[in-house]
Amino acid sequence: MIPVLYWFCTEKLSVSGLFIGLLKALRYQVINGRNIELRERLYRVLEGCQVEMIIFDEAQRITPSSMSEIRDIAEVLNISVVLVGTDRLNAVIQRDEQVLNRFMGHYRYPRLDAEGVREMSGQWEKHVLRMSESSNLMSKKVQSLLL
Protein backbone atom coordinates (compact mmCIF):
# COMPACT_ATOMS: atom_id res chain seq x y z
CA MET A 1 0.00 0.00 0.00
CA ILE A 2 1.39 3.37 -1.09
CA PRO A 3 -1.28 5.98 -0.27
CA VAL A 4 0.86 8.99 -1.27
CA LEU A 5 3.34 8.80 -4.15
CA TYR A 6 5.92 11.57 -4.61
CA TRP A 7 7.55 11.87 -8.03
CA PHE A 8 10.13 14.32 -9.42
CA CYS A 9 9.37 15.21 -13.05
CA THR A 10 12.15 15.12 -15.62
CA GLU A 11 12.70 17.88 -18.19
CA LYS A 12 10.25 17.82 -21.16
CA LEU A 13 8.38 14.89 -19.64
CA SER A 14 6.98 12.67 -22.40
CA VAL A 15 4.01 10.33 -22.03
CA SER A 16 6.22 7.22 -22.03
CA GLY A 17 8.58 8.94 -19.58
CA LEU A 18 5.62 9.64 -17.31
CA PHE A 19 4.37 6.04 -17.39
CA ILE A 20 7.83 4.49 -16.98
CA GLY A 21 8.83 6.96 -14.25
CA LEU A 22 5.71 6.29 -12.18
CA LEU A 23 6.06 2.52 -12.63
CA LYS A 24 9.68 2.73 -11.45
CA ALA A 25 8.63 4.86 -8.47
CA LEU A 26 6.16 2.11 -7.58
CA ARG A 27 9.05 -0.41 -7.89
CA TYR A 28 7.41 -2.24 -10.79
CA GLN A 29 9.89 -4.36 -12.77
CA VAL A 30 8.36 -4.54 -16.27
CA ILE A 31 8.69 -1.07 -17.76
CA ASN A 32 8.83 -1.71 -21.50
CA GLY A 33 6.05 -1.66 -24.08
CA ARG A 34 3.93 0.73 -26.09
CA ASN A 35 2.19 3.65 -24.40
CA ILE A 36 -1.19 1.90 -24.40
CA GLU A 37 0.34 -1.11 -22.62
CA LEU A 38 2.26 1.08 -20.18
CA ARG A 39 -0.90 3.08 -19.39
CA GLU A 40 -2.93 -0.07 -18.65
CA ARG A 41 -0.10 -1.47 -16.53
CA LEU A 42 0.29 1.79 -14.61
CA TYR A 43 -3.45 1.97 -13.89
CA ARG A 44 -3.41 -1.61 -12.54
CA VAL A 45 -0.36 -0.95 -10.37
CA LEU A 46 -1.74 2.34 -9.02
CA GLU A 47 -4.98 0.57 -8.08
CA GLY A 48 -3.10 -2.41 -6.61
CA CYS A 49 -0.91 -0.13 -4.48
CA GLN A 50 -4.02 1.79 -3.39
CA VAL A 51 -2.48 5.13 -4.35
CA GLU A 52 -4.76 7.97 -3.28
CA MET A 53 -2.53 10.94 -4.08
CA ILE A 54 0.37 11.66 -6.43
CA ILE A 55 2.60 14.68 -5.85
CA PHE A 56 4.36 15.80 -9.04
CA ASP A 57 7.37 17.98 -8.20
CA GLU A 58 8.79 20.34 -10.87
CA ALA A 59 5.46 19.99 -12.71
CA GLN A 60 6.27 22.89 -15.04
CA ARG A 61 8.43 20.36 -16.94
CA ILE A 62 5.39 18.33 -18.02
CA THR A 63 4.48 18.40 -21.73
CA PRO A 64 0.85 19.03 -22.76
CA SER A 65 0.29 15.38 -23.76
CA SER A 66 1.67 14.17 -20.42
CA MET A 67 -0.49 16.69 -18.57
CA SER A 68 -3.54 15.18 -20.31
CA GLU A 69 -2.48 11.73 -19.11
CA ILE A 70 -2.14 13.03 -15.55
CA ARG A 71 -5.63 14.51 -15.83
CA ASP A 72 -6.92 11.11 -16.98
CA ILE A 73 -5.18 9.31 -14.10
CA ALA A 74 -6.89 11.68 -11.68
CA GLU A 75 -10.32 11.25 -13.28
CA VAL A 76 -10.30 7.54 -14.15
CA LEU A 77 -8.72 6.30 -10.92
CA ASN A 78 -10.07 9.04 -8.64
CA ILE A 79 -6.55 9.86 -7.45
CA SER A 80 -5.82 13.30 -6.02
CA VAL A 81 -3.04 15.08 -7.90
CA VAL A 82 -0.82 17.80 -6.48
CA LEU A 83 1.27 19.77 -8.97
CA VAL A 84 4.26 21.53 -7.42
CA GLY A 85 6.33 23.90 -9.51
CA THR A 86 7.54 27.36 -10.35
CA ASP A 87 5.48 30.20 -11.79
CA ARG A 88 5.89 28.58 -15.24
CA LEU A 89 3.46 25.89 -14.06
CA ASN A 90 0.56 28.34 -14.49
CA ALA A 91 1.34 28.66 -18.21
CA VAL A 92 1.56 24.87 -18.58
CA ILE A 93 -1.84 24.35 -16.94
CA GLN A 94 -3.54 27.12 -18.94
CA ARG A 95 -2.65 25.52 -22.30
CA ASP A 96 -5.49 23.01 -21.94
CA GLU A 97 -8.94 24.07 -20.71
CA GLN A 98 -9.74 20.59 -19.39
CA VAL A 99 -6.50 20.50 -17.41
CA LEU A 100 -7.16 24.02 -16.13
CA ASN A 101 -10.65 23.04 -14.95
CA ARG A 102 -9.36 19.85 -13.32
CA PHE A 103 -6.53 21.58 -11.45
CA MET A 104 -8.22 24.90 -10.69
CA GLY A 105 -7.21 25.29 -7.06
CA HIS A 106 -3.75 26.71 -6.66
CA TYR A 107 -1.86 27.95 -3.67
CA ARG A 108 1.26 30.03 -3.34
CA TYR A 109 3.58 29.31 -0.47
CA PRO A 110 6.76 31.13 0.41
CA ARG A 111 9.91 29.06 0.55
CA LEU A 112 9.62 26.90 3.67
CA ASP A 113 12.40 25.87 6.01
CA ALA A 114 12.54 22.34 7.46
CA GLU A 115 10.18 23.20 10.31
CA GLY A 116 7.73 24.86 7.91
CA VAL A 117 7.72 21.79 5.64
CA ARG A 118 7.12 19.53 8.65
CA GLU A 119 4.27 21.72 9.88
CA MET A 120 2.70 21.95 6.40
CA SER A 121 2.99 18.17 5.97
CA GLY A 122 1.21 17.62 9.26
CA GLN A 123 -1.60 19.91 8.18
CA TRP A 124 -1.92 18.06 4.85
CA GLU A 125 -2.01 14.70 6.55
CA LYS A 126 -4.64 15.83 9.03
CA HIS A 127 -6.90 18.07 6.94
CA VAL A 128 -6.40 17.08 3.29
CA LEU A 129 -5.56 13.38 3.22
CA ARG A 130 -7.86 12.46 6.13
CA MET A 131 -6.81 8.83 5.95
CA SER A 132 -7.76 6.17 8.45
CA GLU A 133 -4.11 5.05 8.62
CA SER A 134 -0.94 7.12 8.73
CA SER A 135 0.38 8.09 5.29
CA ASN A 136 3.98 8.19 6.55
CA LEU A 137 4.09 11.77 5.29
CA MET A 138 5.65 12.79 8.59
CA SER A 139 8.34 10.08 8.51
CA LYS A 140 11.98 11.20 8.40
CA LYS A 141 12.45 9.54 5.00
CA VAL A 142 9.54 11.36 3.36
CA GLN A 143 10.40 14.65 5.04
CA SER A 144 13.97 14.42 3.70
CA LEU A 145 12.53 13.96 0.18
CA LEU A 146 10.36 17.05 0.57
CA LEU A 147 13.32 19.19 1.57
C-alpha atoms as a PDB file:
ATOM      1  CA  MET A   1       0.000   0.000   0.000  1.00  0.00           C
ATOM      2  CA  ILE A   2       1.392   3.374  -1.089  1.00  0.00           C
ATOM      3  CA  PRO A   3      -1.283   5.981  -0.274  1.00  0.00           C
ATOM      4  CA  VAL A   4       0.864   8.987  -1.271  1.00  0.00           C
ATOM      5  CA  LEU A   5       3.336   8.803  -4.151  1.00  0.00           C
ATOM      6  CA  TYR A   6       5.917  11.570  -4.614  1.00  0.00           C
ATOM      7  CA  TRP A   7       7.549  11.870  -8.028  1.00  0.00           C
ATOM      8  CA  PHE A   8      10.131  14.318  -9.417  1.00  0.00           C
ATOM      9  CA  CYS A   9       9.370  15.213 -13.055  1.00  0.00           C
ATOM     10  CA  THR A  10      12.152  15.120 -15.618  1.00  0.00           C
ATOM     11  CA  GLU A  11      12.696  17.875 -18.195  1.00  0.00           C
ATOM     12  CA  LYS A  12      10.246  17.822 -21.156  1.00  0.00           C
ATOM     13  CA  LEU A  13       8.381  14.892 -19.642  1.00  0.00           C
ATOM     14  CA  SER A  14       6.983  12.667 -22.404  1.00  0.00           C
ATOM     15  CA  VAL A  15       4.013  10.330 -22.034  1.00  0.00           C
ATOM     16  CA  SER A  16       6.217   7.220 -22.027  1.00  0.00           C
ATOM     17  CA  GLY A  17       8.583   8.945 -19.575  1.00  0.00           C
ATOM     18  CA  LEU A  18       5.618   9.639 -17.305  1.00  0.00           C
ATOM     19  CA  PHE A  19       4.369   6.045 -17.390  1.00  0.00           C
ATOM     20  CA  ILE A  20       7.828   4.493 -16.979  1.00  0.00           C
ATOM     21  CA  GLY A  21       8.830   6.956 -14.247  1.00  0.00           C
ATOM     22  CA  LEU A  22       5.714   6.293 -12.184  1.00  0.00           C
ATOM     23  CA  LEU A  23       6.056   2.516 -12.633  1.00  0.00           C
ATOM     24  CA  LYS A  24       9.679   2.731 -11.448  1.00  0.00           C
ATOM     25  CA  ALA A  25       8.626   4.862  -8.474  1.00  0.00           C
ATOM     26  CA  LEU A  26       6.159   2.106  -7.583  1.00  0.00           C
ATOM     27  CA  ARG A  27       9.048  -0.412  -7.894  1.00  0.00           C
ATOM     28  CA  TYR A  28       7.413  -2.241 -10.787  1.00  0.00           C
ATOM     29  CA  GLN A  29       9.888  -4.356 -12.767  1.00  0.00           C
ATOM     30  CA  VAL A  30       8.361  -4.540 -16.272  1.00  0.00           C
ATOM     31  CA  ILE A  31       8.689  -1.067 -17.762  1.00  0.00           C
ATOM     32  CA  ASN A  32       8.826  -1.707 -21.501  1.00  0.00           C
ATOM     33  CA  GLY A  33       6.047  -1.656 -24.078  1.00  0.00           C
ATOM     34  CA  ARG A  34       3.931   0.732 -26.090  1.00  0.00           C
ATOM     35  CA  ASN A  35       2.193   3.646 -24.400  1.00  0.00           C
ATOM     36  CA  ILE A  36      -1.191   1.904 -24.401  1.00  0.00           C
ATOM     37  CA  GLU A  37       0.340  -1.115 -22.616  1.00  0.00           C
ATOM     38  CA  LEU A  38       2.260   1.084 -20.181  1.00  0.00           C
ATOM     39  CA  ARG A  39      -0.901   3.078 -19.393  1.00  0.00           C
ATOM     40  CA  GLU A  40      -2.928  -0.071 -18.651  1.00  0.00           C
ATOM     41  CA  ARG A  41      -0.100  -1.475 -16.526  1.00  0.00           C
ATOM     42  CA  LEU A  42       0.288   1.789 -14.613  1.00  0.00           C
ATOM     43  CA  TYR A  43      -3.448   1.970 -13.887  1.00  0.00           C
ATOM     44  CA  ARG A  44      -3.413  -1.613 -12.541  1.00  0.00           C
ATOM     45  CA  VAL A  45      -0.359  -0.948 -10.367  1.00  0.00           C
ATOM     46  CA  LEU A  46      -1.742   2.345  -9.017  1.00  0.00           C
ATOM     47  CA  GLU A  47      -4.978   0.571  -8.081  1.00  0.00           C
ATOM     48  CA  GLY A  48      -3.095  -2.409  -6.613  1.00  0.00           C
ATOM     49  CA  CYS A  49      -0.911  -0.130  -4.481  1.00  0.00           C
ATOM     50  CA  GLN A  50      -4.021   1.791  -3.394  1.00  0.00           C
ATOM     51  CA  VAL A  51      -2.477   5.129  -4.354  1.00  0.00           C
ATOM     52  CA  GLU A  52      -4.763   7.972  -3.280  1.00  0.00           C
ATOM     53  CA  MET A  53      -2.529  10.941  -4.078  1.00  0.00           C
ATOM     54  CA  ILE A  54       0.372  11.657  -6.433  1.00  0.00           C
ATOM     55  CA  ILE A  55       2.599  14.678  -5.845  1.00  0.00           C
ATOM     56  CA  PHE A  56       4.358  15.796  -9.038  1.00  0.00           C
ATOM     57  CA  ASP A  57       7.370  17.978  -8.204  1.00  0.00           C
ATOM     58  CA  GLU A  58       8.785  20.337 -10.870  1.00  0.00           C
ATOM     59  CA  ALA A  59       5.458  19.987 -12.709  1.00  0.00           C
ATOM     60  CA  GLN A  60       6.273  22.894 -15.037  1.00  0.00           C
ATOM     61  CA  ARG A  61       8.430  20.361 -16.939  1.00  0.00           C
ATOM     62  CA  ILE A  62       5.386  18.332 -18.023  1.00  0.00           C
ATOM     63  CA  THR A  63       4.478  18.399 -21.726  1.00  0.00           C
ATOM     64  CA  PRO A  64       0.846  19.032 -22.764  1.00  0.00           C
ATOM     65  CA  SER A  65       0.295  15.383 -23.757  1.00  0.00           C
ATOM     66  CA  SER A  66       1.675  14.170 -20.420  1.00  0.00           C
ATOM     67  CA  MET A  67      -0.489  16.691 -18.569  1.00  0.00           C
ATOM     68  CA  SER A  68      -3.542  15.185 -20.309  1.00  0.00           C
ATOM     69  CA  GLU A  69      -2.479  11.727 -19.112  1.00  0.00           C
ATOM     70  CA  ILE A  70      -2.139  13.031 -15.554  1.00  0.00           C
ATOM     71  CA  ARG A  71      -5.627  14.514 -15.827  1.00  0.00           C
ATOM     72  CA  ASP A  72      -6.920  11.114 -16.984  1.00  0.00           C
ATOM     73  CA  ILE A  73      -5.184   9.310 -14.102  1.00  0.00           C
ATOM     74  CA  ALA A  74      -6.892  11.683 -11.680  1.00  0.00           C
ATOM     75  CA  GLU A  75     -10.322  11.249 -13.277  1.00  0.00           C
ATOM     76  CA  VAL A  76     -10.304   7.543 -14.151  1.00  0.00           C
ATOM     77  CA  LEU A  77      -8.721   6.302 -10.918  1.00  0.00           C
ATOM     78  CA  ASN A  78     -10.071   9.040  -8.644  1.00  0.00           C
ATOM     79  CA  ILE A  79      -6.548   9.861  -7.448  1.00  0.00           C
ATOM     80  CA  SER A  80      -5.815  13.304  -6.025  1.00  0.00           C
ATOM     81  CA  VAL A  81      -3.044  15.083  -7.896  1.00  0.00           C
ATOM     82  CA  VAL A  82      -0.824  17.805  -6.478  1.00  0.00           C
ATOM     83  CA  LEU A  83       1.274  19.765  -8.966  1.00  0.00           C
ATOM     84  CA  VAL A  84       4.257  21.533  -7.419  1.00  0.00           C
ATOM     85  CA  GLY A  85       6.326  23.898  -9.507  1.00  0.00           C
ATOM     86  CA  THR A  86       7.538  27.362 -10.347  1.00  0.00           C
ATOM     87  CA  ASP A  87       5.479  30.203 -11.789  1.00  0.00           C
ATOM     88  CA  ARG A  88       5.889  28.575 -15.235  1.00  0.00           C
ATOM     89  CA  LEU A  89       3.462  25.888 -14.060  1.00  0.00           C
ATOM     90  CA  ASN A  90       0.563  28.343 -14.495  1.00  0.00           C
ATOM     91  CA  ALA A  91       1.341  28.656 -18.212  1.00  0.00           C
ATOM     92  CA  VAL A  92       1.561  24.866 -18.576  1.00  0.00           C
ATOM     93  CA  ILE A  93      -1.837  24.354 -16.944  1.00  0.00           C
ATOM     94  CA  GLN A  94      -3.538  27.123 -18.939  1.00  0.00           C
ATOM     95  CA  ARG A  95      -2.648  25.518 -22.298  1.00  0.00           C
ATOM     96  CA  ASP A  96      -5.490  23.007 -21.937  1.00  0.00           C
ATOM     97  CA  GLU A  97      -8.937  24.069 -20.714  1.00  0.00           C
ATOM     98  CA  GLN A  98      -9.741  20.587 -19.393  1.00  0.00           C
ATOM     99  CA  VAL A  99      -6.504  20.500 -17.410  1.00  0.00           C
ATOM    100  CA  LEU A 100      -7.165  24.022 -16.134  1.00  0.00           C
ATOM    101  CA  ASN A 101     -10.650  23.040 -14.949  1.00  0.00           C
ATOM    102  CA  ARG A 102      -9.359  19.849 -13.325  1.00  0.00           C
ATOM    103  CA  PHE A 103      -6.531  21.575 -11.447  1.00  0.00           C
ATOM    104  CA  MET A 104      -8.222  24.899 -10.685  1.00  0.00           C
ATOM    105  CA  GLY A 105      -7.207  25.292  -7.060  1.00  0.00           C
ATOM    106  CA  HIS A 106      -3.749  26.707  -6.658  1.00  0.00           C
ATOM    107  CA  TYR A 107      -1.860  27.952  -3.667  1.00  0.00           C
ATOM    108  CA  ARG A 108       1.257  30.025  -3.339  1.00  0.00           C
ATOM    109  CA  TYR A 109       3.579  29.308  -0.472  1.00  0.00           C
ATOM    110  CA  PRO A 110       6.758  31.129   0.410  1.00  0.00           C
ATOM    111  CA  ARG A 111       9.911  29.056   0.554  1.00  0.00           C
ATOM    112  CA  LEU A 112       9.616  26.900   3.666  1.00  0.00           C
ATOM    113  CA  ASP A 113      12.400  25.872   6.011  1.00  0.00           C
ATOM    114  CA  ALA A 114      12.543  22.335   7.457  1.00  0.00           C
ATOM    115  CA  GLU A 115      10.182  23.197  10.315  1.00  0.00           C
ATOM    116  CA  GLY A 116       7.731  24.862   7.914  1.00  0.00           C
ATOM    117  CA  VAL A 117       7.719  21.788   5.639  1.00  0.00           C
ATOM    118  CA  ARG A 118       7.123  19.530   8.645  1.00  0.00           C
ATOM    119  CA  GLU A 119       4.275  21.719   9.876  1.00  0.00           C
ATOM    120  CA  MET A 120       2.695  21.954   6.398  1.00  0.00           C
ATOM    121  CA  SER A 121       2.990  18.165   5.967  1.00  0.00           C
ATOM    122  CA  GLY A 122       1.213  17.621   9.264  1.00  0.00           C
ATOM    123  CA  GLN A 123      -1.604  19.911   8.185  1.00  0.00           C
ATOM    124  CA  TRP A 124      -1.918  18.061   4.847  1.00  0.00           C
ATOM    125  CA  GLU A 125      -2.011  14.697   6.550  1.00  0.00           C
ATOM    126  CA  LYS A 126      -4.642  15.834   9.034  1.00  0.00           C
ATOM    127  CA  HIS A 127      -6.899  18.073   6.940  1.00  0.00           C
ATOM    128  CA  VAL A 128      -6.396  17.077   3.288  1.00  0.00           C
ATOM    129  CA  LEU A 129      -5.560  13.376   3.221  1.00  0.00           C
ATOM    130  CA  ARG A 130      -7.863  12.464   6.133  1.00  0.00           C
ATOM    131  CA  MET A 131      -6.813   8.827   5.948  1.00  0.00           C
ATOM    132  CA  SER A 132      -7.762   6.166   8.449  1.00  0.00           C
ATOM    133  CA  GLU A 133      -4.106   5.047   8.623  1.00  0.00           C
ATOM    134  CA  SER A 134      -0.940   7.121   8.730  1.00  0.00           C
ATOM    135  CA  SER A 135       0.376   8.087   5.293  1.00  0.00           C
ATOM    136  CA  ASN A 136       3.981   8.188   6.551  1.00  0.00           C
ATOM    137  CA  LEU A 137       4.094  11.770   5.285  1.00  0.00           C
ATOM    138  CA  MET A 138       5.649  12.785   8.591  1.00  0.00           C
ATOM    139  CA  SER A 139       8.344  10.082   8.509  1.00  0.00           C
ATOM    140  CA  LYS A 140      11.978  11.202   8.403  1.00  0.00           C
ATOM    141  CA  LYS A 141      12.451   9.538   5.001  1.00  0.00           C
ATOM    142  CA  VAL A 142       9.541  11.365   3.355  1.00  0.00           C
ATOM    143  CA  GLN A 143      10.397  14.648   5.042  1.00  0.00           C
ATOM    144  CA  SER A 144      13.965  14.418   3.698  1.00  0.00           C
ATOM    145  CA  LEU A 145      12.527  13.963   0.180  1.00  0.00           C
ATOM    146  CA  LEU A 146      10.363  17.047   0.570  1.00  0.00           C
ATOM    147  CA  LEU A 147      13.322  19.188   1.571  1.00  0.00           C
END
